Amino acid sequence: MDSEPTQAFQGVSSPQEVFAPFFASFDLTTVISVVALLLFVVWALYTAVAAYHLLRYGHRSAVAIPAIMTHVLVSFFLSLFAVSGLHL
């Protein structure tokens, strides 16, 4: 069963050649939108669970509200910076 190759190996010049048929079937804007939505859902669930536990089981509930507000505001500004296209 040892058969010799009939022609030389032809390499690919770029990864786009290999994955072009796969990516041609997807709209990139839809994929990015779905990924962003999934990230937002995970962030919202994390925030809700963290806020609940901080308010319910925190020994200093006076710190809980500013901590939750800080978390939401910092997350908002980080996501705003991420979608704005600015570079540092």
PDB file of N, CA and C in Angstrom:
ATOM      1  N   MET A   1       0.798  -1.191   0.000  1.00  0.00           N
ATOM      2  CA  MET A   1       0.000   0.000   0.000  1.00  0.00           C
ATOM      3  C   MET A   1       0.845   1.261   0.000  1.00  0.00           C
ATOM      4  N   ASP A   2       2.131   1.118  -0.121  1.00  0.00           N
ATOM      5  CA  ASP A   2       2.983   2.297  -0.194  1.00  0.00           C
ATOM      6  C   ASP A   2       2.948   2.840  -1.616  1.00  0.00           C
ATOM      7  N   SER A   3       2.183   3.887  -1.795  1.00  0.00           N
ATOM      8  CA  SER A   3       2.112   4.487  -3.127  1.00  0.00           C
ATOM      9  C   SER A   3       2.897   5.788  -3.125  1.00  0.00           C
ATOM     10  N   GLU A   4       3.602   5.997  -4.154  1.00  0.00           N
ATOM     11  CA  GLU A   4       4.381   7.216  -4.309  1.00  0.00           C
ATOM     12  C   GLU A   4       3.459   8.354  -4.748  1.00  0.00           C
ATOM     13  N   PRO A   5       3.724   9.569  -4.248  1.00  0.00           N
ATOM     14  CA  PRO A   5       2.901  10.692  -4.699  1.00  0.00           C
ATOM     15  C   PRO A   5       3.131  10.958  -6.189  1.00  0.00           C
ATOM     16  N   THR A   6       2.072  11.335  -6.855  1.00  0.00           N
ATOM     17  CA  THR A   6       2.178  11.583  -8.286  1.00  0.00           C
ATOM     18  C   THR A   6       2.652  12.992  -8.604  1.00  0.00           C
ATOM     19  N   GLN A   7       2.519  13.913  -7.646  1.00  0.00           N
ATOM     20  CA  GLN A   7       2.993  15.270  -7.873  1.00  0.00           C
ATOM     21  C   GLN A   7       3.549  15.837  -6.577  1.00  0.00           C
ATOM     22  N   ALA A   8       4.303  16.904  -6.699  1.00  0.00           N
ATOM     23  CA  ALA A   8       4.932  17.523  -5.533  1.00  0.00           C
ATOM     24  C   ALA A   8       3.882  18.209  -4.672  1.00  0.00           C
ATOM     25  N   PHE A   9       4.214  18.327  -3.389  1.00  0.00           N
ATOM     26  CA  PHE A   9       3.316  19.005  -2.450  1.00  0.00           C
ATOM     27  C   PHE A   9       3.202  20.477  -2.821  1.00  0.00           C
ATOM     28  N   GLN A  10       1.974  20.959  -2.885  1.00  0.00           N
ATOM     29  CA  GLN A  10       1.726  22.364  -3.172  1.00  0.00           C
ATOM     30  C   GLN A  10       1.319  23.050  -1.873  1.00  0.00           C
ATOM     31  N   GLY A  11       2.163  23.933  -1.375  1.00  0.00           N
ATOM     32  CA  GLY A  11       1.849  24.659  -0.153  1.00  0.00           C
ATOM     33  C   GLY A  11       0.841  25.757  -0.417  1.00  0.00           C
ATOM     34  N   VAL A  12       0.293  26.287   0.657  1.00  0.00           N
ATOM     35  CA  VAL A  12      -0.640  27.409   0.529  1.00  0.00           C
ATOM     36  C   VAL A  12       0.100  28.692   0.844  1.00  0.00           C
ATOM     37  N   SER A  13      -0.306  29.752   0.198  1.00  0.00           N
ATOM     38  CA  SER A  13       0.403  31.014   0.403  1.00  0.00           C
ATOM     39  C   SER A  13      -0.090  31.767   1.628  1.00  0.00           C
ATOM     40  N   SER A  14      -1.339  31.520   2.033  1.00  0.00           N
ATOM     41  CA  SER A  14      -1.856  32.225   3.205  1.00  0.00           C
ATOM     42  C   SER A  14      -2.967  31.400   3.859  1.00  0.00           C
ATOM     43  N   PRO A  15      -3.225  31.659   5.135  1.00  0.00           N
ATOM     44  CA  PRO A  15      -4.319  30.947   5.809  1.00  0.00           C
ATOM     45  C   PRO A  15      -5.685  31.277   5.204  1.00  0.00           C
ATOM     46  N   GLN A  16      -5.807  32.436   4.588  1.00  0.00           N
ATOM     47  CA  GLN A  16      -7.084  32.797   3.979  1.00  0.00           C
ATOM     48  C   GLN A  16      -7.476  31.810   2.886  1.00  0.00           C
ATOM     49  N   GLU A  17      -6.494  31.265   2.183  1.00  0.00           N
ATOM     50  CA  GLU A  17      -6.791  30.265   1.151  1.00  0.00           C
ATOM     51  C   GLU A  17      -7.434  29.021   1.745  1.00  0.00           C
ATOM     52  N   VAL A  18      -6.933  28.610   2.894  1.00  0.00           N
ATOM     53  CA  VAL A  18      -7.425  27.380   3.517  1.00  0.00           C
ATOM     54  C   VAL A  18      -8.827  27.585   4.092  1.00  0.00           C
ATOM     55  N   PHE A  19      -9.027  28.720   4.765  1.00  0.00           N
ATOM     56  CA  PHE A  19     -10.282  28.951   5.474  1.00  0.00           C
ATOM     57  C   PHE A  19     -11.305  29.754   4.684  1.00  0.00           C
ATOM     58  N   ALA A  20     -10.992  30.137   3.464  1.00  0.00           N
ATOM     59  CA  ALA A  20     -11.919  30.949   2.667  1.00  0.00           C
ATOM     60  C   ALA A  20     -13.277  30.285   2.477  1.00  0.00           C
ATOM     61  N   PRO A  21     -13.346  28.989   2.152  1.00  0.00           N
ATOM     62  CA  PRO A  21     -14.682  28.382   2.002  1.00  0.00           C
ATOM     63  C   PRO A  21     -15.484  28.383   3.303  1.00  0.00           C
ATOM     64  N   PHE A  22     -14.810  28.212   4.430  1.00  0.00           N
ATOM     65  CA  PHE A  22     -15.497  28.207   5.721  1.00  0.00           C
ATOM     66  C   PHE A  22     -16.057  29.585   6.042  1.00  0.00           C
ATOM     67  N   PHE A  23     -15.229  30.638   5.878  1.00  0.00           N
ATOM     68  CA  PHE A  23     -15.654  31.988   6.227  1.00  0.00           C
ATOM     69  C   PHE A  23     -16.607  32.583   5.203  1.00  0.00           C
ATOM     70  N   ALA A  24     -16.629  32.049   3.999  1.00  0.00           N
ATOM     71  CA  ALA A  24     -17.533  32.574   2.980  1.00  0.00           C
ATOM     72  C   ALA A  24     -18.987  32.275   3.325  1.00  0.00           C
ATOM     73  N   SER A  25     -19.222  31.248   4.129  1.00  0.00           N
ATOM     74  CA  SER A  25     -20.591  30.893   4.471  1.00  0.00           C
ATOM     75  C   SER A  25     -21.146  31.711   5.633  1.00  0.00           C
ATOM     76  N   PHE A  26     -20.308  32.506   6.308  1.00  0.00           N
ATOM     77  CA  PHE A  26     -20.744  33.316   7.446  1.00  0.00           C
ATOM     78  C   PHE A  26     -20.605  34.795   7.123  1.00  0.00           C
ATOM     79  N   ASP A  27     -21.541  35.581   7.624  1.00  0.00           N
ATOM     80  CA  ASP A  27     -21.420  37.026   7.539  1.00  0.00           C
ATOM     81  C   ASP A  27     -20.663  37.497   8.781  1.00  0.00           C
ATOM     82  N   LEU A  28     -19.546  38.170   8.580  1.00  0.00           N
ATOM     83  CA  LEU A  28     -18.685  38.553   9.698  1.00  0.00           C
ATOM     84  C   LEU A  28     -19.398  39.475  10.678  1.00  0.00           C
ATOM     85  N   THR A  29     -20.229  40.379  10.194  1.00  0.00           N
ATOM     86  CA  THR A  29     -20.931  41.285  11.107  1.00  0.00           C
ATOM     87  C   THR A  29     -21.909  40.516  12.001  1.00  0.00           C
ATOM     88  N   THR A  30     -22.504  39.462  11.486  1.00  0.00           N
ATOM     89  CA  THR A  30     -23.402  38.646  12.304  1.00  0.00           C
ATOM     90  C   THR A  30     -22.626  37.891  13.371  1.00  0.00           C
ATOM     91  N   VAL A  31     -21.483  37.350  13.010  1.00  0.00           N
ATOM     92  CA  VAL A  31     -20.653  36.610  13.977  1.00  0.00           C
ATOM     93  C   VAL A  31     -20.192  37.544  15.092  1.00  0.00           C
ATOM     94  N   ILE A  32     -19.736  38.726  14.738  1.00  0.00           N
ATOM     95  CA  ILE A  32     -19.273  39.687  15.745  1.00  0.00           C
ATOM     96  C   ILE A  32     -20.428  40.118  16.634  1.00  0.00           C
ATOM     97  N   SER A  33     -21.598  40.319  16.059  1.00  0.00           N
ATOM     98  CA  SER A  33     -22.770  40.708  16.849  1.00  0.00           C
ATOM     99  C   SER A  33     -23.160  39.622  17.841  1.00  0.00           C
ATOM    100  N   VAL A  34     -23.114  38.376  17.412  1.00  0.00           N
ATOM    101  CA  VAL A  34     -23.466  37.264  18.301  1.00  0.00           C
ATOM    102  C   VAL A  34     -22.445  37.135  19.426  1.00  0.00           C
ATOM    103  N   VAL A  35     -21.166  37.271  19.107  1.00  0.00           N
ATOM    104  CA  VAL A  35     -20.123  37.198  20.142  1.00  0.00           C
ATOM    105  C   VAL A  35     -20.287  38.341  21.143  1.00  0.00           C
ATOM    106  N   ALA A  36     -20.562  39.551  20.660  1.00  0.00           N
ATOM    107  CA  ALA A  36     -20.763  40.691  21.555  1.00  0.00           C
ATOM    108  C   ALA A  36     -21.989  40.478  22.437  1.00  0.00           C
ATOM    109  N   LEU A  37     -23.052  39.925  21.873  1.00  0.00           N
ATOM    110  CA  LEU A  37     -24.250  39.653  22.656  1.00  0.00           C
ATOM    111  C   LEU A  37     -23.969  38.614  23.743  1.00  0.00           C
ATOM    112  N   LEU A  38     -23.238  37.561  23.397  1.00  0.00           N
ATOM    113  CA  LEU A  38     -22.899  36.541  24.390  1.00  0.00           C
ATOM    114  C   LEU A  38     -22.036  37.113  25.507  1.00  0.00           C
ATOM    115  N   LEU A  39     -21.077  37.958  25.149  1.00  0.00           N
ATOM    116  CA  LEU A  39     -20.250  38.595  26.175  1.00  0.00           C
ATOM    117  C   LEU A  39     -21.083  39.493  27.086  1.00  0.00           C
ATOM    118  N   PHE A  40     -22.030  40.223  26.507  1.00  0.00           N
ATOM    119  CA  PHE A  40     -22.889  41.079  27.316  1.00  0.00           C
ATOM    120  C   PHE A  40     -23.748  40.252  28.261  1.00  0.00           C
ATOM    121  N   VAL A  41     -24.288  39.129  27.794  1.00  0.00           N
ATOM    122  CA  VAL A  41     -25.125  38.280  28.641  1.00  0.00           C
ATOM    123  C   VAL A  41     -24.310  37.710  29.800  1.00  0.00           C
ATOM    124  N   VAL A  42     -23.095  37.256  29.516  1.00  0.00           N
ATOM    125  CA  VAL A  42     -22.233  36.733  30.583  1.00  0.00           C
ATOM    126  C   VAL A  42     -21.903  37.836  31.583  1.00  0.00           C
ATOM    127  N   TRP A  43     -21.590  39.034  31.078  1.00  0.00           N
ATOM    128  CA  TRP A  43     -21.286  40.162  31.972  1.00  0.00           C
ATOM    129  C   TRP A  43     -22.503  40.510  32.825  1.00  0.00           C
ATOM    130  N   ALA A  44     -23.695  40.547  32.231  1.00  0.00           N
ATOM    131  CA  ALA A  44     -24.907  40.900  32.973  1.00  0.00           C
ATOM    132  C   ALA A  44     -25.210  39.857  34.052  1.00  0.00           C
ATOM    133  N   LEU A  45     -25.051  38.579  33.730  1.00  0.00           N
ATOM    134  CA  LEU A  45     -25.267  37.539  34.737  1.00  0.00           C
ATOM    135  C   LEU A  45     -24.251  37.635  35.867  1.00  0.00           C
ATOM    136  N   TYR A  46     -22.988  37.859  35.509  1.00  0.00           N
ATOM    137  CA  TYR A  46     -21.941  38.002  36.528  1.00  0.00           C
ATOM    138  C   TYR A  46     -22.244  39.188  37.432  1.00  0.00           C
ATOM    139  N   THR A  47     -22.639  40.304  36.833  1.00  0.00           N
ATOM    140  CA  THR A  47     -22.939  41.496  37.613  1.00  0.00           C
ATOM    141  C   THR A  47     -24.128  41.264  38.539  1.00  0.00           C
ATOM    142  N   ALA A  48     -25.170  40.612  38.045  1.00  0.00           N
ATOM    143  CA  ALA A  48     -26.349  40.357  38.874  1.00  0.00           C
ATOM    144  C   ALA A  48     -26.017  39.430  40.041  1.00  0.00           C
ATOM    145  N   VAL A  49     -25.259  38.371  39.779  1.00  0.00           N
ATOM    146  CA  VAL A  49     -24.901  37.435  40.853  1.00  0.00           C
ATOM    147  C   VAL A  49     -23.969  38.105  41.860  1.00  0.00           C
ATOM    148  N   ALA A  50     -22.997  38.865  41.369  1.00  0.00           N
ATOM    149  CA  ALA A  50     -22.074  39.550  42.285  1.00  0.00           C
ATOM    150  C   ALA A  50     -22.810  40.592  43.121  1.00  0.00           C
ATOM    151  N   ALA A  51     -23.722  41.331  42.510  1.00  0.00           N
ATOM    152  CA  ALA A  51     -24.484  42.339  43.261  1.00  0.00           C
ATOM    153  C   ALA A  51     -25.365  41.679  44.320  1.00  0.00           C
ATOM    154  N   TYR A  52     -26.015  40.590  43.951  1.00  0.00           N
ATOM    155  CA  TYR A  52     -26.857  39.882  44.924  1.00  0.00           C
ATOM    156  C   TYR A  52     -26.034  39.411  46.113  1.00  0.00           C
ATOM    157  N   HIS A  53     -24.906  38.766  45.837  1.00  0.00           N
ATOM    158  CA  HIS A  53     -24.098  38.249  46.939  1.00  0.00           C
ATOM    159  C   HIS A  53     -23.482  39.368  47.761  1.00  0.00           C
ATOM    160  N   LEU A  54     -23.117  40.447  47.108  1.00  0.00           N
ATOM    161  CA  LEU A  54     -22.539  41.566  47.850  1.00  0.00           C
ATOM    162  C   LEU A  54     -23.583  42.205  48.759  1.00  0.00           C
ATOM    163  N   LEU A  55     -24.802  42.344  48.271  1.00  0.00           N
ATOM    164  CA  LEU A  55     -25.856  42.934  49.099  1.00  0.00           C
ATOM    165  C   LEU A  55     -26.363  41.963  50.162  1.00  0.00           C
ATOM    166  N   ARG A  56     -26.447  40.694  49.822  1.00  0.00           N
ATOM    167  CA  ARG A  56     -27.030  39.710  50.746  1.00  0.00           C
ATOM    168  C   ARG A  56     -26.046  39.281  51.816  1.00  0.00           C
ATOM    169  N   TYR A  57     -24.812  39.020  51.428  1.00  0.00           N
ATOM    170  CA  TYR A  57     -23.857  38.436  52.372  1.00  0.00           C
ATOM    171  C   TYR A  57     -22.741  39.387  52.787  1.00  0.00           C
ATOM    172  N   GLY A  58     -22.758  40.602  52.266  1.00  0.00           N
ATOM    173  CA  GLY A  58     -21.711  41.556  52.628  1.00  0.00           C
ATOM    174  C   GLY A  58     -21.895  42.056  54.056  1.00  0.00           C
ATOM    175  N   HIS A  59     -20.803  42.185  54.780  1.00  0.00           N
ATOM    176  CA  HIS A  59     -20.890  42.655  56.153  1.00  0.00           C
ATOM    177  C   HIS A  59     -21.089  44.159  56.202  1.00  0.00           C
ATOM    178  N   ARG A  60     -20.604  44.845  55.201  1.00  0.00           N
ATOM    179  CA  ARG A  60     -20.771  46.289  55.130  1.00  0.00           C
ATOM    180  C   ARG A  60     -21.618  46.612  53.900  1.00  0.00           C
ATOM    181  N   SER A  61     -22.905  46.684  54.084  1.00  0.00           N
ATOM    182  CA  SER A  61     -23.769  46.945  52.947  1.00  0.00           C
ATOM    183  C   SER A  61     -23.638  48.380  52.452  1.00  0.00           C
ATOM    184  N   ALA A  62     -23.065  49.278  53.279  1.00  0.00           N
ATOM    185  CA  ALA A  62     -22.858  50.658  52.844  1.00  0.00           C
ATOM    186  C   ALA A  62     -21.798  50.727  51.746  1.00  0.00           C
ATOM    187  N   VAL A  63     -20.927  49.746  51.685  1.00  0.00           N
ATOM    188  CA  VAL A  63     -19.898  49.703  50.648  1.00  0.00           C
ATOM    189  C   VAL A  63     -20.430  49.034  49.382  1.00  0.00           C
ATOM    190  N   ALA A  64     -21.486  48.257  49.509  1.00  0.00           N
ATOM    191  CA  ALA A  64     -21.976  47.467  48.386  1.00  0.00           C
ATOM    192  C   ALA A  64     -22.477  48.332  47.233  1.00  0.00           C
ATOM    193  N   ILE A  65     -23.278  49.336  47.531  1.00  0.00           N
ATOM    194  CA  ILE A  65     -23.858  50.158  46.464  1.00  0.00           C
ATOM    195  C   ILE A  65     -22.763  50.911  45.690  1.00  0.00           C
ATOM    196  N   PRO A  66     -21.823  51.585  46.354  1.00  0.00           N
ATOM    197  CA  PRO A  66     -20.746  52.231  45.572  1.00  0.00           C
ATOM    198  C   PRO A  66     -19.882  51.229  44.806  1.00  0.00           C
ATOM    199  N   ALA A  67     -19.677  50.042  45.363  1.00  0.00           N
ATOM    200  CA  ALA A  67     -18.882  49.029  44.658  1.00  0.00           C
ATOM    201  C   ALA A  67     -19.602  48.546  43.408  1.00  0.00           C
ATOM    202  N   ILE A  68     -20.897  48.339  43.503  1.00  0.00           N
ATOM    203  CA  ILE A  68     -21.676  47.899  42.337  1.00  0.00           C
ATOM    204  C   ILE A  68     -21.701  49.010  41.288  1.00  0.00           C
ATOM    205  N   MET A  69     -21.921  50.243  41.719  1.00  0.00           N
ATOM    206  CA  MET A  69     -21.940  51.371  40.775  1.00  0.00           C
ATOM    207  C   MET A  69     -20.589  51.527  40.091  1.00  0.00           C
ATOM    208  N   THR A  70     -19.509  51.376  40.845  1.00  0.00           N
ATOM    209  CA  THR A  70     -18.168  51.475  40.261  1.00  0.00           C
ATOM    210  C   THR A  70     -17.957  50.370  39.236  1.00  0.00           C
ATOM    211  N   HIS A  71     -18.371  49.156  39.558  1.00  0.00           N
ATOM    212  CA  HIS A  71     -18.226  48.038  38.627  1.00  0.00           C
ATOM    213  C   HIS A  71     -18.979  48.312  37.324  1.00  0.00           C
ATOM    214  N   VAL A  72     -20.213  48.778  37.422  1.00  0.00           N
ATOM    215  CA  VAL A  72     -21.027  49.031  36.234  1.00  0.00           C
ATOM    216  C   VAL A  72     -20.440  50.181  35.418  1.00  0.00           C
ATOM    217  N   LEU A  73     -20.032  51.265  36.069  1.00  0.00           N
ATOM    218  CA  LEU A  73     -19.482  52.416  35.343  1.00  0.00           C
ATOM    219  C   LEU A  73     -18.152  52.081  34.670  1.00  0.00           C
ATOM    220  N   VAL A  74     -17.264  51.397  35.371  1.00  0.00           N
ATOM    221  CA  VAL A  74     -15.979  51.034  34.771  1.00  0.00           C
ATOM    222  C   VAL A  74     -16.197  50.073  33.605  1.00  0.00           C
ATOM    223  N   SER A  75     -17.107  49.118  33.770  1.00  0.00           N
ATOM    224  CA  SER A  75     -17.414  48.199  32.675  1.00  0.00           C
ATOM    225  C   SER A  75     -17.993  48.947  31.483  1.00  0.00           C
ATOM    226  N   PHE A  76     -18.865  49.912  31.747  1.00  0.00           N
ATOM    227  CA  PHE A  76     -19.452  50.701  30.665  1.00  0.00           C
ATOM    228  C   PHE A  76     -18.372  51.472  29.912  1.00  0.00           C
ATOM    229  N   PHE A  77     -17.481  52.143  30.633  1.00  0.00           N
ATOM    230  CA  PHE A  77     -16.448  52.927  29.964  1.00  0.00           C
ATOM    231  C   PHE A  77     -15.436  52.042  29.239  1.00  0.00           C
ATOM    232  N   LEU A  78     -15.135  50.871  29.769  1.00  0.00           N
ATOM    233  CA  LEU A  78     -14.252  49.942  29.058  1.00  0.00           C
ATOM    234  C   LEU A  78     -14.893  49.438  27.772  1.00  0.00           C
ATOM    235  N   SER A  79     -16.174  49.108  27.823  1.00  0.00           N
ATOM    236  CA  SER A  79     -16.849  48.651  26.599  1.00  0.00           C
ATOM    237  C   SER A  79     -17.010  49.795  25.612  1.00  0.00           C
ATOM    238  N   LEU A  80     -17.249  51.010  26.090  1.00  0.00           N
ATOM    239  CA  LEU A  80     -17.321  52.169  25.200  1.00  0.00           C
ATOM    240  C   LEU A  80     -15.982  52.415  24.532  1.00  0.00           C
ATOM    241  N   PHE A  81     -14.905  52.291  25.284  1.00  0.00           N
ATOM    242  CA  PHE A  81     -13.562  52.455  24.711  1.00  0.00           C
ATOM    243  C   PHE A  81     -13.272  51.347  23.688  1.00  0.00           C
ATOM    244  N   ALA A  82     -13.725  50.140  23.977  1.00  0.00           N
ATOM    245  CA  ALA A  82     -13.463  49.016  23.076  1.00  0.00           C
ATOM    246  C   ALA A  82     -14.157  49.198  21.725  1.00  0.00           C
ATOM    247  N   VAL A  83     -15.357  49.727  21.724  1.00  0.00           N
ATOM    248  CA  VAL A  83     -16.087  49.882  20.465  1.00  0.00           C
ATOM    249  C   VAL A  83     -15.805  51.209  19.774  1.00  0.00           C
ATOM    250  N   SER A  84     -15.114  52.112  20.443  1.00  0.00           N
ATOM    251  CA  SER A  84     -14.882  53.431  19.847  1.00  0.00           C
ATOM    252  C   SER A  84     -13.771  53.403  18.787  1.00  0.00           C
ATOM    253  N   GLY A  85     -12.874  52.444  18.865  1.00  0.00           N
ATOM    254  CA  GLY A  85     -11.795  52.361  17.883  1.00  0.00           C
ATOM    255  C   GLY A  85     -10.598  53.221  18.236  1.00  0.00           C
ATOM    256  N   LEU A  86     -10.569  53.779  19.420  1.00  0.00           N
ATOM    257  CA  LEU A  86      -9.417  54.595  19.825  1.00  0.00           C
ATOM    258  C   LEU A  86      -8.250  53.698  20.188  1.00  0.00           C
ATOM    259  N   HIS A  87      -7.054  54.206  19.985  1.00  0.00           N
ATOM    260  CA  HIS A  87      -5.840  53.459  20.310  1.00  0.00           C
ATOM    261  C   HIS A  87      -4.997  54.287  21.265  1.00  0.00           C
ATOM    262  N   LEU A  88      -4.435  53.629  22.248  1.00  0.00           N
ATOM    263  CA  LEU A  88      -3.532  54.315  23.171  1.00  0.00           C
ATOM    264  C   LEU A  88      -2.136  54.337  22.629  1.00  0.00           C
TER     265      LEU A  88
END
